[in-house]
C-alpha atoms as a PDB file:
ATOM      1  CA  MET A   1       9.149 -17.943   5.471  1.00  0.00           C
ATOM      2  CA  GLY A   2      12.659 -18.553   6.702  1.00  0.00           C
ATOM      3  CA  GLY A   3      14.472 -15.506   7.966  1.00  0.00           C
ATOM      4  CA  LEU A   4      11.443 -13.549   9.172  1.00  0.00           C
ATOM      5  CA  ALA A   5      12.609 -11.165  11.808  1.00  0.00           C
ATOM      6  CA  ASP A   6      10.858  -8.476  13.755  1.00  0.00           C
ATOM      7  CA  ALA A   7       8.982  -5.894  11.754  1.00  0.00           C
ATOM      8  CA  PRO A   8       9.089  -2.331  12.971  1.00  0.00           C
ATOM      9  CA  GLY A   9       6.758  -2.288  15.954  1.00  0.00           C
ATOM     10  CA  GLY A  10       6.364  -6.013  16.495  1.00  0.00           C
ATOM     11  CA  ASP A  11       6.812  -9.612  15.424  1.00  0.00           C
ATOM     12  CA  LEU A  12       6.149 -10.021  11.707  1.00  0.00           C
ATOM     13  CA  ARG A  13       5.084 -13.657  11.895  1.00  0.00           C
ATOM     14  CA  GLU A  14       2.483 -12.824  14.539  1.00  0.00           C
ATOM     15  CA  ALA A  15       1.157  -9.924  12.445  1.00  0.00           C
ATOM     16  CA  LEU A  16       0.759 -12.208   9.432  1.00  0.00           C
ATOM     17  CA  ARG A  17      -1.324 -14.738  11.401  1.00  0.00           C
ATOM     18  CA  ASP A  18      -4.141 -12.185  11.569  1.00  0.00           C
ATOM     19  CA  PRO A  19      -5.774 -11.218   8.250  1.00  0.00           C
ATOM     20  CA  ALA A  20      -6.223  -7.684   9.608  1.00  0.00           C
ATOM     21  CA  GLY A  21      -2.516  -7.506  10.490  1.00  0.00           C
ATOM     22  CA  VAL A  22      -1.070  -8.172   7.032  1.00  0.00           C
ATOM     23  CA  PHE A  23      -1.499  -4.707   5.566  1.00  0.00           C
ATOM     24  CA  PRO A  24      -0.296  -2.823   8.686  1.00  0.00           C
ATOM     25  CA  ALA A  25       2.831  -5.024   8.691  1.00  0.00           C
ATOM     26  CA  PHE A  26       3.322  -4.324   4.973  1.00  0.00           C
ATOM     27  CA  ARG A  27       2.869  -0.579   5.567  1.00  0.00           C
ATOM     28  CA  ASP A  28       5.409  -0.629   8.422  1.00  0.00           C
ATOM     29  CA  LEU A  29       7.999  -2.341   6.228  1.00  0.00           C
ATOM     30  CA  ILE A  30       7.456   0.158   3.373  1.00  0.00           C
ATOM     31  CA  ARG A  31       7.664   3.042   5.880  1.00  0.00           C
ATOM     32  CA  ALA A  32      10.984   1.680   7.151  1.00  0.00           C
ATOM     33  CA  GLY A  33      12.340   1.358   3.594  1.00  0.00           C
ATOM     34  CA  LEU A  34      12.494  -2.451   3.800  1.00  0.00           C
ATOM     35  CA  TYR A  35      11.070  -3.034   0.322  1.00  0.00           C
ATOM     36  CA  ALA A  36      12.709  -6.423  -0.252  1.00  0.00           C
ATOM     37  CA  LYS A  37      11.369  -7.695   3.055  1.00  0.00           C
ATOM     38  CA  ALA A  38       7.882  -6.310   2.319  1.00  0.00           C
ATOM     39  CA  TYR A  39       7.979  -8.105  -1.018  1.00  0.00           C
ATOM     40  CA  SER A  40       9.256 -11.440   0.267  1.00  0.00           C
ATOM     41  CA  ALA A  41       7.374 -11.630   3.559  1.00  0.00           C
ATOM     42  CA  CYS A  42       3.993  -9.985   2.845  1.00  0.00           C
ATOM     43  CA  LEU A  43       3.174 -10.902  -0.762  1.00  0.00           C
ATOM     44  CA  SER A  44       1.752 -14.223  -1.915  1.00  0.00           C
ATOM     45  CA  PRO A  45       3.507 -16.585  -4.346  1.00  0.00           C
ATOM     46  CA  GLY A  46       0.920 -15.513  -6.961  1.00  0.00           C
ATOM     47  CA  ALA A  47       1.925 -11.893  -6.455  1.00  0.00           C
ATOM     48  CA  HIS A  48       5.572 -12.873  -6.909  1.00  0.00           C
ATOM     49  CA  ARG A  49       4.693 -14.451 -10.269  1.00  0.00           C
ATOM     50  CA  GLN A  50       2.902 -11.291 -11.441  1.00  0.00           C
ATOM     51  CA  VAL A  51       5.203  -8.579 -10.086  1.00  0.00           C
ATOM     52  CA  SER A  52       8.988  -8.950  -9.978  1.00  0.00           C
ATOM     53  CA  GLN A  53      10.924  -7.744  -6.965  1.00  0.00           C
ATOM     54  CA  GLU A  54      12.672  -5.105  -9.074  1.00  0.00           C
ATOM     55  CA  GLU A  55       9.383  -3.750 -10.408  1.00  0.00           C
ATOM     56  CA  PHE A  56       7.950  -3.722  -6.880  1.00  0.00           C
ATOM     57  CA  GLN A  57      10.942  -1.898  -5.436  1.00  0.00           C
ATOM     58  CA  ILE A  58      11.023   0.701  -8.210  1.00  0.00           C
ATOM     59  CA  ALA A  59       7.276   1.286  -7.845  1.00  0.00           C
ATOM     60  CA  PHE A  60       7.450   1.847  -4.086  1.00  0.00           C
ATOM     61  CA  SER A  61      10.783   3.622  -3.784  1.00  0.00           C
ATOM     62  CA  GLY A  62      10.939   5.695  -6.959  1.00  0.00           C
ATOM     63  CA  PHE A  63       8.417   8.387  -6.086  1.00  0.00           C
ATOM     64  CA  GLU A  64       7.580  10.015  -2.745  1.00  0.00           C
ATOM     65  CA  GLY A  65       3.877  10.086  -3.599  1.00  0.00           C
ATOM     66  CA  ILE A  66       3.412   6.314  -3.557  1.00  0.00           C
ATOM     67  CA  ARG A  67       5.014   6.037  -0.122  1.00  0.00           C
ATOM     68  CA  ARG A  68       2.632   8.768   1.019  1.00  0.00           C
ATOM     69  CA  LEU A  69      -0.252   6.793  -0.498  1.00  0.00           C
ATOM     70  CA  VAL A  70       0.733   3.621   1.355  1.00  0.00           C
ATOM     71  CA  GLU A  71       1.031   5.649   4.561  1.00  0.00           C
ATOM     72  CA  SER A  72      -2.455   7.130   4.082  1.00  0.00           C
ATOM     73  CA  LEU A  73      -4.223   3.865   3.174  1.00  0.00           C
ATOM     74  CA  ARG A  74      -6.587   2.582   5.842  1.00  0.00           C
ATOM     75  CA  LEU A  75      -8.003  -0.902   6.217  1.00  0.00           C
ATOM     76  CA  HIS A  76     -11.773  -0.509   5.868  1.00  0.00           C
ATOM     77  CA  GLU A  77     -12.830  -4.099   5.315  1.00  0.00           C
ATOM     78  CA  VAL A  78     -11.371  -7.503   6.062  1.00  0.00           C
ATOM     79  CA  ASN A  79     -13.146 -10.497   4.541  1.00  0.00           C
ATOM     80  CA  PRO A  80     -10.977 -13.610   4.943  1.00  0.00           C
ATOM     81  CA  GLY A  81     -13.781 -15.857   3.662  1.00  0.00           C
ATOM     82  CA  ALA A  82     -13.816 -14.033   0.315  1.00  0.00           C
ATOM     83  CA  GLY A  83     -10.055 -13.524   0.401  1.00  0.00           C
ATOM     84  CA  ARG A  84     -10.261  -9.732   0.205  1.00  0.00           C
ATOM     85  CA  ILE A  85      -9.393  -6.599   2.105  1.00  0.00           C
ATOM     86  CA  ARG A  86     -10.426  -3.054   1.200  1.00  0.00           C
ATOM     87  CA  LEU A  87      -7.860  -0.267   1.398  1.00  0.00           C
ATOM     88  CA  CYS A  88      -9.038   3.349   1.227  1.00  0.00           C
ATOM     89  CA  SER A  89      -7.469   6.799   1.197  1.00  0.00           C
ATOM     90  CA  PRO A  90      -9.604   9.928   0.798  1.00  0.00           C
ATOM     91  CA  GLU A  91      -6.436  11.991   0.346  1.00  0.00           C
ATOM     92  CA  PHE A  92      -5.663  10.104  -2.861  1.00  0.00           C
ATOM     93  CA  GLY A  93      -9.238   9.301  -3.854  1.00  0.00           C
ATOM     94  CA  ALA A  94      -8.380   5.606  -3.611  1.00  0.00           C
ATOM     95  CA  SER A  95     -10.563   2.669  -2.647  1.00  0.00           C
ATOM     96  CA  ARG A  96      -9.434  -0.767  -3.751  1.00  0.00           C
ATOM     97  CA  ARG A  97     -10.084  -4.369  -2.826  1.00  0.00           C
ATOM     98  CA  ILE A  98      -6.877  -6.385  -2.636  1.00  0.00           C
ATOM     99  CA  GLY A  99      -6.634 -10.165  -2.589  1.00  0.00           C
ATOM    100  CA  LEU A 100      -5.771 -11.977   0.618  1.00  0.00           C
ATOM    101  CA  VAL A 101      -4.350 -15.525   0.580  1.00  0.00           C
ATOM    102  CA  ARG A 102      -3.864 -17.973   3.418  1.00  0.00           C
ATOM    103  CA  LEU A 103      -0.588 -19.867   3.158  1.00  0.00           C
ATOM    104  CA  ARG A 104      -0.303 -23.324   4.763  1.00  0.00           C
ATOM    105  CA  SER A 105      -3.075 -22.470   7.253  1.00  0.00           C
ATOM    106  CA  GLU A 106      -0.520 -20.401   9.160  1.00  0.00           C
ATOM    107  CA  ILE A 107      -0.236 -16.920   7.735  1.00  0.00           C
ATOM    108  CA  TRP A 108      -2.092 -14.470   5.530  1.00  0.00           C
ATOM    109  CA  LEU A 109      -0.422 -12.695   2.607  1.00  0.00           C
ATOM    110  CA  LEU A 110      -1.418  -9.899   0.238  1.00  0.00           C
ATOM    111  CA  ASP A 111      -2.195 -11.087  -3.278  1.00  0.00           C
ATOM    112  CA  LEU A 112      -1.103  -7.889  -5.020  1.00  0.00           C
ATOM    113  CA  THR A 113      -1.627  -8.025  -8.779  1.00  0.00           C
ATOM    114  CA  ARG A 114      -0.108  -5.992 -11.564  1.00  0.00           C
ATOM    115  CA  GLU A 115      -3.505  -4.242 -11.937  1.00  0.00           C
ATOM    116  CA  ASP A 116      -3.421  -3.269  -8.247  1.00  0.00           C
ATOM    117  CA  LEU A 117       0.054  -1.818  -8.666  1.00  0.00           C
ATOM    118  CA  GLU A 118      -1.050   0.124 -11.760  1.00  0.00           C
ATOM    119  CA  TYR A 119      -4.128   1.390  -9.906  1.00  0.00           C
ATOM    120  CA  PHE A 120      -1.984   2.759  -7.073  1.00  0.00           C
ATOM    121  CA  ARG A 121       0.464   4.319  -9.538  1.00  0.00           C
ATOM    122  CA  GLY A 122      -2.456   5.987 -11.312  1.00  0.00           C
ATOM    123  CA  ARG A 123      -3.941   7.283  -8.050  1.00  0.00           C
ATOM    124  CA  THR A 124      -0.548   8.727  -7.137  1.00  0.00           C
ATOM    125  CA  LEU A 125      -0.165  10.501 -10.492  1.00  0.00           C
ATOM    126  CA  ASP A 126      -3.707  11.887 -10.245  1.00  0.00           C
ATOM    127  CA  TRP A 127      -2.916  13.124  -6.737  1.00  0.00           C
ATOM    128  CA  PHE A 128       0.306  14.779  -7.954  1.00  0.00           C
ATOM    129  CA  ARG A 129      -1.505  16.502 -10.842  1.00  0.00           C
ATOM    130  CA  HIS A 130      -4.144  17.704  -8.380  1.00  0.00           C
ATOM    131  CA  GLN A 131      -1.384  19.255  -6.224  1.00  0.00           C
ATOM    132  CA  VAL A 132       0.116  20.999  -9.266  1.00  0.00           C
ATOM    133  CA  ARG A 133      -3.277  22.463 -10.212  1.00  0.00           C
ATOM    134  CA  ARG A 134      -3.796  23.652  -6.634  1.00  0.00           C
ATOM    135  CA  ALA A 135      -0.318  25.259  -6.678  1.00  0.00           C
ATOM    136  CA  ASP A 136      -1.057  27.202  -9.881  1.00  0.00           C
ATOM    137  CA  GLY A 137       1.239  25.066 -12.006  1.00  0.00           C
ATOM    138  CA  TRP A 138       4.234  24.913  -9.668  1.00  0.00           C
ATOM    139  CA  HIS A 139       5.666  21.412  -9.873  1.00  0.00           C
ATOM    140  CA  PHE A 140       8.416  21.149  -7.309  1.00  0.00           C
ATOM    141  CA  ALA A 141       8.539  24.412  -5.378  1.00  0.00           C
ATOM    142  CA  TYR A 142       5.542  24.768  -3.119  1.00  0.00           C
ATOM    143  CA  PRO A 143       5.211  27.776  -0.790  1.00  0.00           C
ATOM    144  CA  PRO A 144       6.565  27.252   2.758  1.00  0.00           C
ATOM    145  CA  ASP A 145       3.074  27.114   4.270  1.00  0.00           C
ATOM    146  CA  TRP A 146       1.820  24.606   1.687  1.00  0.00           C
ATOM    147  CA  SER A 147      -0.321  21.685   2.787  1.00  0.00           C
ATOM    148  CA  TYR A 148      -1.306  18.956   0.368  1.00  0.00           C
ATOM    149  CA  ALA A 149      -4.890  19.128  -0.890  1.00  0.00           C
ATOM    150  CA  PRO A 150      -6.873  15.890  -0.567  1.00  0.00           C
ATOM    151  CA  LYS A 151      -8.538  14.491  -3.692  1.00  0.00           C
ATOM    152  CA  ALA A 152     -11.757  13.688  -1.771  1.00  0.00           C
ATOM    153  CA  ARG A 153     -13.355  14.197   1.625  1.00  0.00           C
ATOM    154  CA  ARG A 154     -14.502  10.591   1.917  1.00  0.00           C
ATOM    155  CA  CYS A 155     -13.232   7.371   0.489  1.00  0.00           C
ATOM    156  CA  GLY A 156     -15.043   5.386  -2.184  1.00  0.00           C
ATOM    157  CA  CYS A 157     -16.471   2.841   0.236  1.00  0.00           C
ATOM    158  CA  GLY A 158     -18.423   5.582   1.994  1.00  0.00           C
ATOM    159  CA  ARG A 159     -16.588   5.587   5.319  1.00  0.00           C
END
């Protein structure tokens, strides 16, 4: 945990002490383009064993859609006793429970698995294909008044 500095919008260490603050801190770091810091400060040691930093950075920086997904995810459930949070995004048709781990009784970290990363990649590709269908097959040149079409009106958890 050495070298933790301020996250955009507040103290990172303080955000990680609250199980409901872990994902917003992670989202802020991704939004700011601080992928290495998001990886090292917000993910559990188990997540580090499953997903390398290079794979993480490529996944989150290689495609605009996944950054948009992270931005649109909302925290709909926090269950520290079960070690889970639920992240939902109606725009992407995503609803996923992510592991939550307490480290040294001080901070909470996301236990992101390879399956979680693949799920979010898949949701992003589905969302992109949905946009292409809505744009009559246009892949990269949307009309000037284009607005992205959501995959669903409600998220999978019913909220």
